[in-house]
Amino acid sequence: MILSLALDGFDNPFGGCTTHLASLMVAKFIREGYHLVDYPWLIRLNPAIPWKTRGNGAIAIHLYVDTASEASKIVQMALKLAREYSGSKKACLVAIIWQ
């Protein structure tokens, strides 16, 4: 089974970066023994504006999982990391979705 996590909105003028958080998540997942399906994907949200980079992309992480409970554990790890990462930032409108 493949678990897909997508995140966005962690870029903030007070510090923080969606890509940085994704790298922290990937490192944590690998340390915990999980395996990536592929490199994390940078998803262009508005490809019609090629010169805009900041605030124009989300990150998707795809992992192999054996069970629904394993997927749930990964999602909980991701949510915990996201809360810790964005907790000290002001006005952070963030999103994490999974399937």
N, C-alpha and C. Protein backbone atom coordinates (compact mmCIF):
# COMPACT_ATOMS: atom_id res chain seq x y z
N MET A 1 0.85 -1.17 0.00
CA MET A 1 0.00 0.00 0.00
C MET A 1 0.90 1.24 0.00
N ILE A 2 0.44 2.30 -0.64
CA ILE A 2 1.20 3.55 -0.68
C ILE A 2 0.42 4.63 0.06
N LEU A 3 1.10 5.30 0.95
CA LEU A 3 0.54 6.46 1.65
C LEU A 3 1.11 7.70 1.01
N SER A 4 0.23 8.62 0.64
CA SER A 4 0.65 9.90 0.07
C SER A 4 0.31 11.01 1.05
N LEU A 5 1.31 11.82 1.38
CA LEU A 5 1.13 13.00 2.24
C LEU A 5 1.46 14.22 1.40
N ALA A 6 0.64 15.25 1.51
CA ALA A 6 0.94 16.51 0.83
C ALA A 6 0.87 17.63 1.85
N LEU A 7 1.78 18.59 1.74
CA LEU A 7 1.78 19.70 2.68
C LEU A 7 2.06 21.01 1.97
N ASP A 8 1.50 22.06 2.54
CA ASP A 8 1.69 23.40 1.99
C ASP A 8 1.36 24.42 3.07
N GLY A 9 1.82 25.63 2.86
CA GLY A 9 1.47 26.74 3.71
C GLY A 9 2.41 26.98 4.88
N PHE A 10 3.55 26.34 4.89
CA PHE A 10 4.48 26.52 6.00
C PHE A 10 5.49 27.64 5.74
N ASP A 11 5.43 28.24 4.55
CA ASP A 11 6.26 29.42 4.26
C ASP A 11 5.67 30.59 5.03
N ASN A 12 6.53 31.36 5.66
CA ASN A 12 6.06 32.43 6.51
C ASN A 12 7.12 33.51 6.59
N PRO A 13 6.71 34.79 6.57
CA PRO A 13 7.70 35.86 6.68
C PRO A 13 8.48 35.84 7.99
N PHE A 14 7.95 35.16 9.00
CA PHE A 14 8.61 35.09 10.30
C PHE A 14 9.53 33.87 10.42
N GLY A 15 9.64 33.11 9.35
CA GLY A 15 10.48 31.91 9.35
C GLY A 15 9.66 30.69 9.00
N GLY A 16 10.30 29.74 8.41
CA GLY A 16 9.60 28.51 8.04
C GLY A 16 9.56 28.34 6.53
N CYS A 17 9.48 27.10 6.12
CA CYS A 17 9.50 26.79 4.70
C CYS A 17 8.90 25.39 4.53
N THR A 18 7.94 25.27 3.63
CA THR A 18 7.30 23.98 3.39
C THR A 18 8.33 22.92 2.98
N THR A 19 9.26 23.29 2.12
CA THR A 19 10.28 22.35 1.66
C THR A 19 11.17 21.89 2.82
N HIS A 20 11.51 22.82 3.71
CA HIS A 20 12.33 22.46 4.87
C HIS A 20 11.59 21.48 5.77
N LEU A 21 10.32 21.76 6.04
CA LEU A 21 9.54 20.84 6.86
C LEU A 21 9.45 19.47 6.20
N ALA A 22 9.25 19.43 4.90
CA ALA A 22 9.19 18.14 4.19
C ALA A 22 10.50 17.37 4.36
N SER A 23 11.63 18.07 4.31
CA SER A 23 12.92 17.39 4.48
C SER A 23 13.05 16.82 5.90
N LEU A 24 12.54 17.54 6.89
CA LEU A 24 12.56 17.03 8.26
C LEU A 24 11.67 15.80 8.40
N MET A 25 10.50 15.84 7.74
CA MET A 25 9.60 14.68 7.78
C MET A 25 10.24 13.46 7.13
N VAL A 26 10.82 13.66 5.95
CA VAL A 26 11.45 12.54 5.24
C VAL A 26 12.56 11.93 6.10
N ALA A 27 13.38 12.78 6.70
CA ALA A 27 14.46 12.27 7.56
C ALA A 27 13.90 11.46 8.72
N LYS A 28 12.83 11.94 9.33
CA LYS A 28 12.19 11.23 10.46
C LYS A 28 11.63 9.88 9.99
N PHE A 29 10.94 9.89 8.85
CA PHE A 29 10.35 8.64 8.35
C PHE A 29 11.44 7.61 8.05
N ILE A 30 12.53 8.05 7.45
CA ILE A 30 13.63 7.13 7.14
C ILE A 30 14.26 6.58 8.42
N ARG A 31 14.47 7.47 9.42
CA ARG A 31 15.02 7.01 10.71
C ARG A 31 14.11 5.97 11.37
N GLU A 32 12.80 6.12 11.15
CA GLU A 32 11.83 5.18 11.74
C GLU A 32 11.72 3.89 10.94
N GLY A 33 12.44 3.81 9.81
CA GLY A 33 12.46 2.57 9.04
C GLY A 33 11.50 2.50 7.87
N TYR A 34 10.86 3.62 7.54
CA TYR A 34 9.92 3.63 6.41
C TYR A 34 10.69 3.90 5.12
N HIS A 35 10.10 3.48 4.01
CA HIS A 35 10.75 3.61 2.71
C HIS A 35 9.93 4.49 1.77
N LEU A 36 10.63 5.41 1.11
CA LEU A 36 9.98 6.29 0.14
C LEU A 36 9.72 5.54 -1.16
N VAL A 37 8.61 5.85 -1.80
CA VAL A 37 8.30 5.32 -3.13
C VAL A 37 9.17 6.02 -4.17
N ASP A 38 9.36 7.32 -3.97
CA ASP A 38 10.09 8.17 -4.91
C ASP A 38 10.63 9.36 -4.12
N TYR A 39 11.42 10.18 -4.77
CA TYR A 39 11.81 11.43 -4.14
C TYR A 39 10.55 12.25 -3.85
N PRO A 40 10.57 13.13 -2.85
CA PRO A 40 9.43 14.02 -2.65
C PRO A 40 9.17 14.84 -3.91
N TRP A 41 7.91 15.09 -4.18
CA TRP A 41 7.53 15.85 -5.37
C TRP A 41 7.27 17.30 -5.02
N LEU A 42 7.79 18.21 -5.83
CA LEU A 42 7.42 19.62 -5.75
C LEU A 42 6.28 19.81 -6.73
N ILE A 43 5.15 20.26 -6.24
CA ILE A 43 3.96 20.41 -7.07
C ILE A 43 3.73 21.89 -7.32
N ARG A 44 3.86 22.30 -8.57
CA ARG A 44 3.62 23.70 -8.93
C ARG A 44 2.12 23.96 -8.90
N LEU A 45 1.69 24.91 -8.08
CA LEU A 45 0.27 25.20 -7.93
C LEU A 45 -0.24 26.15 -9.00
N ASN A 46 0.63 26.93 -9.57
CA ASN A 46 0.23 27.83 -10.65
C ASN A 46 1.33 27.84 -11.69
N PRO A 47 1.39 26.81 -12.53
CA PRO A 47 2.48 26.71 -13.50
C PRO A 47 2.43 27.78 -14.60
N ALA A 48 1.32 28.51 -14.68
CA ALA A 48 1.21 29.57 -15.68
C ALA A 48 2.08 30.77 -15.34
N ILE A 49 2.61 30.82 -14.13
CA ILE A 49 3.47 31.92 -13.70
C ILE A 49 4.85 31.34 -13.41
N PRO A 50 5.69 31.13 -14.43
CA PRO A 50 6.96 30.44 -14.24
C PRO A 50 7.97 31.20 -13.39
N TRP A 51 7.86 32.52 -13.29
CA TRP A 51 8.85 33.29 -12.54
C TRP A 51 8.52 33.35 -11.05
N LYS A 52 7.32 32.95 -10.67
CA LYS A 52 6.95 32.97 -9.25
C LYS A 52 7.37 31.65 -8.62
N THR A 53 8.19 31.72 -7.59
CA THR A 53 8.62 30.49 -6.92
C THR A 53 8.08 30.42 -5.50
N ARG A 54 8.22 31.47 -4.72
CA ARG A 54 7.76 31.43 -3.34
C ARG A 54 6.24 31.43 -3.28
N GLY A 55 5.70 30.52 -2.50
CA GLY A 55 4.25 30.46 -2.35
C GLY A 55 3.55 29.83 -3.54
N ASN A 56 4.28 29.15 -4.38
CA ASN A 56 3.70 28.60 -5.60
C ASN A 56 3.82 27.08 -5.66
N GLY A 57 4.16 26.45 -4.56
CA GLY A 57 4.34 25.00 -4.63
C GLY A 57 3.98 24.30 -3.34
N ALA A 58 3.57 23.08 -3.49
CA ALA A 58 3.32 22.19 -2.36
C ALA A 58 4.30 21.02 -2.49
N ILE A 59 4.38 20.22 -1.46
CA ILE A 59 5.27 19.06 -1.46
C ILE A 59 4.43 17.80 -1.22
N ALA A 60 4.72 16.75 -1.98
CA ALA A 60 4.07 15.45 -1.76
C ALA A 60 5.14 14.41 -1.43
N ILE A 61 4.84 13.61 -0.42
CA ILE A 61 5.74 12.54 0.02
C ILE A 61 4.96 11.23 -0.09
N HIS A 62 5.54 10.24 -0.75
CA HIS A 62 4.89 8.94 -0.94
C HIS A 62 5.72 7.86 -0.24
N LEU A 63 5.05 7.08 0.61
CA LEU A 63 5.73 6.05 1.40
C LEU A 63 5.03 4.70 1.24
N TYR A 64 5.84 3.64 1.29
CA TYR A 64 5.28 2.29 1.35
C TYR A 64 4.83 2.01 2.77
N VAL A 65 3.63 1.47 2.93
CA VAL A 65 3.14 1.03 4.25
C VAL A 65 2.50 -0.34 4.09
N ASP A 66 2.53 -1.12 5.17
CA ASP A 66 1.95 -2.46 5.13
C ASP A 66 0.51 -2.51 5.60
N THR A 67 0.17 -1.63 6.56
CA THR A 67 -1.17 -1.69 7.15
C THR A 67 -1.74 -0.29 7.32
N ALA A 68 -3.05 -0.23 7.54
CA ALA A 68 -3.70 1.05 7.81
C ALA A 68 -3.20 1.65 9.12
N SER A 69 -2.91 0.80 10.10
CA SER A 69 -2.41 1.33 11.38
C SER A 69 -1.02 1.93 11.22
N GLU A 70 -0.21 1.35 10.35
CA GLU A 70 1.11 1.92 10.06
C GLU A 70 0.95 3.28 9.38
N ALA A 71 0.01 3.37 8.45
CA ALA A 71 -0.27 4.65 7.78
C ALA A 71 -0.72 5.69 8.80
N SER A 72 -1.58 5.27 9.72
CA SER A 72 -2.06 6.19 10.75
C SER A 72 -0.91 6.68 11.63
N LYS A 73 0.02 5.80 11.95
CA LYS A 73 1.18 6.19 12.76
C LYS A 73 2.02 7.24 12.03
N ILE A 74 2.21 7.07 10.73
CA ILE A 74 2.99 8.03 9.94
C ILE A 74 2.27 9.37 9.88
N VAL A 75 0.96 9.33 9.67
CA VAL A 75 0.18 10.58 9.63
C VAL A 75 0.30 11.31 10.96
N GLN A 76 0.21 10.58 12.07
CA GLN A 76 0.34 11.21 13.39
C GLN A 76 1.73 11.82 13.58
N MET A 77 2.77 11.15 13.09
CA MET A 77 4.12 11.71 13.15
C MET A 77 4.19 13.00 12.35
N ALA A 78 3.60 12.99 11.15
CA ALA A 78 3.62 14.17 10.29
C ALA A 78 2.89 15.33 10.94
N LEU A 79 1.73 15.06 11.52
CA LEU A 79 0.96 16.12 12.19
C LEU A 79 1.72 16.68 13.38
N LYS A 80 2.37 15.82 14.15
CA LYS A 80 3.15 16.28 15.31
C LYS A 80 4.31 17.17 14.86
N LEU A 81 5.04 16.73 13.83
CA LEU A 81 6.14 17.55 13.31
C LEU A 81 5.63 18.89 12.79
N ALA A 82 4.49 18.87 12.10
CA ALA A 82 3.92 20.11 11.56
C ALA A 82 3.52 21.07 12.68
N ARG A 83 2.90 20.53 13.74
CA ARG A 83 2.52 21.39 14.88
C ARG A 83 3.76 22.00 15.53
N GLU A 84 4.79 21.18 15.73
CA GLU A 84 6.02 21.69 16.34
C GLU A 84 6.67 22.74 15.44
N TYR A 85 6.67 22.49 14.15
CA TYR A 85 7.33 23.39 13.20
C TYR A 85 6.62 24.72 13.10
N SER A 86 5.29 24.69 13.05
CA SER A 86 4.54 25.93 12.84
C SER A 86 4.13 26.59 14.15
N GLY A 87 4.33 25.93 15.28
CA GLY A 87 3.88 26.44 16.56
C GLY A 87 4.45 27.78 16.95
N SER A 88 5.67 28.06 16.56
CA SER A 88 6.31 29.32 16.95
C SER A 88 6.16 30.40 15.88
N LYS A 89 5.51 30.09 14.79
CA LYS A 89 5.36 31.06 13.71
C LYS A 89 4.02 31.79 13.85
N LYS A 90 3.98 33.04 13.44
CA LYS A 90 2.74 33.81 13.49
C LYS A 90 1.97 33.64 12.19
N ALA A 91 0.66 33.58 12.30
CA ALA A 91 -0.24 33.59 11.15
C ALA A 91 0.10 32.55 10.10
N CYS A 92 0.35 31.36 10.53
CA CYS A 92 0.68 30.27 9.61
C CYS A 92 -0.62 29.54 9.23
N LEU A 93 -1.03 29.61 7.98
CA LEU A 93 -2.20 28.88 7.49
C LEU A 93 -1.69 27.65 6.75
N VAL A 94 -1.72 26.53 7.42
CA VAL A 94 -1.05 25.34 6.90
C VAL A 94 -2.06 24.26 6.55
N ALA A 95 -1.61 23.32 5.73
CA ALA A 95 -2.46 22.19 5.38
C ALA A 95 -1.60 20.94 5.17
N ILE A 96 -2.12 19.83 5.67
CA ILE A 96 -1.55 18.51 5.39
C ILE A 96 -2.72 17.62 5.00
N ILE A 97 -2.60 16.96 3.87
CA ILE A 97 -3.63 16.01 3.46
C ILE A 97 -2.97 14.66 3.23
N TRP A 98 -3.75 13.60 3.33
CA TRP A 98 -3.20 12.27 3.10
C TRP A 98 -4.25 11.39 2.46
N GLN A 99 -3.76 10.37 1.82
CA GLN A 99 -4.63 9.41 1.17
C GLN A 99 -3.99 8.05 1.26
